[in-house]
């Protein structure tokens, strides 16, 4: 198991109804060596104040306030300031299990990209499948598998190696209104050879 620092990036916009639940779930992780980067993307409600309140209580939390620019620009602020060896993401209206980080940290040593399953919970039932196989696959085969399992275009079920993100200056495209997760993943995967997929589930979508 790795004991490396994991950076968790959470873009926040007008999320006062769900933000406490999101942050509390992250702070309750069994894996403790993480930093939580809350990016307040110009919220007009109390989201920014809530972020600051949590930061005063827990030194692992770092808050960044910016003008509204969309989820990609908020995530990019997180990437600009992330200190972790590994990087992952959460949305401010979702929740995680207490083993969310631990599931990935247990298998990340020596890997380039770790992916775990999730629990679909949208009223429409999309994504249709959250359970994945346990396998190490060549990057092309791995991406095809994730696409077929509706686990492709998301960053919150994946652990990215910070060194690769930093060395290649990988960022989300702020011009895209859709599929920005997919573009980031494809860019990242152009620099790796294998994907480690876990059959554990840790994220409630």
Protein backbone atom coordinates (compact mmCIF):
# COMPACT_ATOMS: atom_id res chain seq x y z
CA UNK A 1 0.00 0.00 0.00
CA UNK A 2 1.21 3.49 -0.83
CA UNK A 3 1.45 6.19 1.83
CA UNK A 4 1.92 8.91 -0.78
CA UNK A 5 0.17 12.26 -0.58
CA UNK A 6 -3.00 12.32 -2.70
CA UNK A 7 -4.41 15.63 -3.94
CA UNK A 8 -8.21 15.72 -4.18
CA UNK A 9 -9.54 18.53 -6.38
CA UNK A 10 -13.17 19.61 -5.93
CA UNK A 11 -14.65 22.37 -8.11
CA UNK A 12 -17.38 24.19 -6.21
CA UNK A 13 -20.16 26.31 -7.68
CA UNK A 14 -23.39 27.16 -5.83
CA UNK A 15 -23.22 23.89 -3.93
CA UNK A 16 -24.29 24.93 -0.44
CA UNK A 17 -26.99 22.23 -0.33
CA UNK A 18 -24.57 19.33 -0.90
CA UNK A 19 -21.12 20.69 -0.04
CA UNK A 20 -21.06 19.77 3.66
CA UNK A 21 -21.95 16.17 2.85
CA UNK A 22 -19.27 16.02 0.13
CA UNK A 23 -16.51 17.41 2.35
CA UNK A 24 -17.50 15.35 5.39
CA UNK A 25 -17.34 12.17 3.30
CA UNK A 26 -13.86 13.03 2.08
CA UNK A 27 -12.61 13.92 5.56
CA UNK A 28 -13.91 10.55 6.79
CA UNK A 29 -11.54 8.57 4.54
CA UNK A 30 -9.63 5.69 6.12
CA UNK A 31 -6.65 6.83 4.01
CA UNK A 32 -5.48 9.95 5.80
CA UNK A 33 -2.53 11.32 3.79
CA UNK A 34 -4.33 13.67 1.44
CA UNK A 35 -4.84 17.34 0.72
CA UNK A 36 -8.26 18.62 -0.26
CA UNK A 37 -8.28 21.51 -2.73
CA UNK A 38 -11.65 23.28 -2.80
CA UNK A 39 -11.94 25.62 -5.80
CA UNK A 40 -14.76 28.11 -5.31
CA UNK A 41 -15.69 29.02 -8.87
CA UNK A 42 -17.41 32.34 -8.22
CA UNK A 43 -20.32 30.90 -6.22
CA UNK A 44 -23.17 33.27 -5.45
CA UNK A 45 -24.43 31.32 -2.44
CA UNK A 46 -22.64 30.37 0.80
CA UNK A 47 -20.36 27.80 -0.84
CA UNK A 48 -17.26 29.96 -0.49
CA UNK A 49 -17.96 30.59 3.20
CA UNK A 50 -18.50 26.90 3.83
CA UNK A 51 -15.15 26.10 2.20
CA UNK A 52 -13.39 28.66 4.40
CA UNK A 53 -15.06 27.31 7.53
CA UNK A 54 -13.73 23.81 6.84
CA UNK A 55 -10.26 25.12 6.02
CA UNK A 56 -10.05 26.74 9.46
CA UNK A 57 -10.77 23.38 11.07
CA UNK A 58 -8.51 21.07 9.02
CA UNK A 59 -5.03 21.97 7.76
CA UNK A 60 -5.33 19.46 4.90
CA UNK A 61 -7.92 21.70 3.25
CA UNK A 62 -6.82 24.49 0.89
CA UNK A 63 -9.38 26.91 -0.55
CA UNK A 64 -9.04 28.93 -3.73
CA UNK A 65 -11.57 31.60 -4.73
CA UNK A 66 -11.85 32.63 -8.37
CA UNK A 67 -14.22 34.30 -10.79
CA UNK A 68 -16.69 31.95 -12.40
CA UNK A 69 -15.11 30.20 -15.36
CA UNK A 70 -16.59 26.72 -15.41
CA UNK A 71 -15.60 23.31 -14.09
CA UNK A 72 -12.53 22.97 -16.32
CA UNK A 73 -11.00 26.25 -15.22
CA UNK A 74 -11.70 25.36 -11.58
CA UNK A 75 -10.03 21.98 -11.93
CA UNK A 76 -7.07 23.66 -13.61
CA UNK A 77 -6.58 25.91 -10.57
CA UNK A 78 -6.47 22.72 -8.53
CA UNK A 79 -3.89 21.17 -10.85
CA UNK A 80 -1.78 24.35 -10.66
CA UNK A 81 -1.65 24.03 -6.87
CA UNK A 82 -1.69 20.26 -6.26
CA UNK A 83 1.29 18.95 -4.26
CA UNK A 84 0.41 15.26 -4.18
CA UNK A 85 2.24 12.42 -5.85
CA UNK A 86 -1.21 11.34 -7.01
CA UNK A 87 -4.22 13.40 -8.07
CA UNK A 88 -7.92 12.60 -8.10
CA UNK A 89 -11.17 14.55 -8.27
CA UNK A 90 -14.63 14.73 -6.76
CA UNK A 91 -17.74 16.68 -7.70
CA UNK A 92 -19.28 18.80 -4.97
CA UNK A 93 -22.71 17.16 -5.28
CA UNK A 94 -21.46 13.57 -5.03
CA UNK A 95 -20.33 11.38 -2.14
CA UNK A 96 -17.74 8.67 -1.58
CA UNK A 97 -17.32 5.61 0.60
CA UNK A 98 -14.79 5.69 3.46
CA UNK A 99 -12.55 3.39 1.38
CA UNK A 100 -12.63 5.51 -1.81
CA UNK A 101 -8.98 6.64 -1.54
CA UNK A 102 -7.79 3.48 0.17
CA UNK A 103 -9.10 1.33 -2.69
CA UNK A 104 -6.78 3.13 -5.09
CA UNK A 105 -3.85 3.71 -2.72
CA UNK A 106 -3.64 -0.04 -2.07
CA UNK A 107 -2.67 -0.73 -5.65
CA UNK A 108 -1.09 2.48 -6.97
CA UNK A 109 2.56 1.75 -6.20
CA UNK A 110 4.50 1.46 -9.45
CA UNK A 111 1.39 2.22 -11.54
CA UNK A 112 0.60 5.07 -13.94
CA UNK A 113 -3.21 5.18 -13.80
CA UNK A 114 -5.57 3.49 -11.35
CA UNK A 115 -9.30 3.15 -12.02
CA UNK A 116 -11.97 1.84 -9.66
CA UNK A 117 -15.67 1.14 -9.96
CA UNK A 118 -18.48 3.33 -8.68
CA UNK A 119 -22.11 3.24 -7.61
CA UNK A 120 -24.52 4.69 -10.18
CA UNK A 121 -27.19 6.65 -8.37
CA UNK A 122 -28.78 9.04 -10.86
CA UNK A 123 -32.57 8.81 -11.32
CA UNK A 124 -32.04 7.95 -14.99
CA UNK A 125 -29.76 5.04 -14.07
CA UNK A 126 -26.78 6.38 -16.03
CA UNK A 127 -24.00 5.20 -16.10
CA UNK A 128 -25.48 1.76 -16.54
CA UNK A 129 -22.65 -0.16 -14.87
CA UNK A 130 -20.37 0.68 -11.99
CA UNK A 131 -18.71 -2.67 -11.32
CA UNK A 132 -15.40 -3.24 -13.12
CA UNK A 133 -13.05 -6.20 -13.49
CA UNK A 134 -9.72 -6.45 -11.68
CA UNK A 135 -7.04 -6.26 -14.38
CA UNK A 136 -3.92 -4.56 -15.71
CA UNK A 137 -4.51 -3.78 -19.38
CA UNK A 138 -2.50 -2.15 -22.19
CA UNK A 139 -3.68 1.43 -22.52
CA UNK A 140 -5.65 0.95 -25.75
CA UNK A 141 -7.44 -2.15 -24.49
CA UNK A 142 -8.02 -0.51 -21.13
CA UNK A 143 -9.64 2.57 -22.65
CA UNK A 144 -11.90 0.42 -24.82
CA UNK A 145 -12.96 -1.56 -21.77
CA UNK A 146 -13.72 1.59 -19.75
CA UNK A 147 -15.69 3.06 -22.65
CA UNK A 148 -17.81 -0.07 -22.96
CA UNK A 149 -18.47 -0.05 -19.20
CA UNK A 150 -19.52 3.63 -19.12
CA UNK A 151 -16.50 4.37 -16.91
CA UNK A 152 -14.49 6.30 -19.48
CA UNK A 153 -15.37 9.98 -19.31
CA UNK A 154 -14.97 10.58 -15.59
CA UNK A 155 -12.01 11.67 -13.47
CA UNK A 156 -13.46 11.01 -10.02
CA UNK A 157 -12.97 7.23 -10.27
CA UNK A 158 -9.34 7.54 -11.34
CA UNK A 159 -5.97 8.21 -9.70
CA UNK A 160 -3.55 10.16 -11.89
CA UNK A 161 0.19 10.30 -11.35
CA UNK A 162 1.08 13.90 -10.54
CA UNK A 163 4.47 13.64 -12.22
CA UNK A 164 2.89 12.92 -15.60
CA UNK A 165 0.37 15.74 -15.22
CA UNK A 166 3.13 18.16 -14.24
CA UNK A 167 5.77 17.15 -16.77
CA UNK A 168 3.39 17.41 -19.70
CA UNK A 169 1.42 20.41 -18.38
CA UNK A 170 -1.84 18.54 -18.76
CA UNK A 171 -4.89 20.70 -18.18
CA UNK A 172 -8.63 20.61 -18.86
CA UNK A 173 -9.83 22.47 -21.96
CA UNK A 174 -11.88 25.42 -20.73
CA UNK A 175 -13.40 25.91 -24.19
CA UNK A 176 -15.28 22.62 -23.99
CA UNK A 177 -18.74 22.52 -22.43
CA UNK A 178 -18.95 18.71 -22.67
CA UNK A 179 -16.51 15.78 -22.72
CA UNK A 180 -13.70 17.73 -21.06
CA UNK A 181 -13.05 14.71 -18.81
CA UNK A 182 -12.62 12.47 -21.83
CA UNK A 183 -10.17 14.81 -23.52
CA UNK A 184 -8.07 15.09 -20.37
CA UNK A 185 -8.04 11.30 -19.95
CA UNK A 186 -7.00 10.72 -23.57
CA UNK A 187 -4.21 13.28 -23.31
CA UNK A 188 -2.99 11.67 -20.10
CA UNK A 189 -3.13 8.17 -21.57
CA UNK A 190 -0.93 9.21 -24.50
CA UNK A 191 1.98 9.24 -21.99
CA UNK A 192 1.35 5.89 -20.28
CA UNK A 193 1.44 2.23 -21.31
CA UNK A 194 -0.93 0.43 -18.94
CA UNK A 195 -4.09 0.99 -16.92
CA UNK A 196 -4.67 -0.75 -13.58
CA UNK A 197 -8.37 -1.42 -13.09
CA UNK A 198 -9.78 -2.40 -9.70
CA UNK A 199 -13.02 -4.25 -8.99
CA UNK A 200 -13.50 -2.15 -5.85
CA UNK A 201 -16.19 0.55 -5.81
CA UNK A 202 -15.81 3.80 -3.92
CA UNK A 203 -17.72 6.68 -5.52
CA UNK A 204 -21.43 7.50 -5.51
CA UNK A 205 -22.27 9.20 -8.80
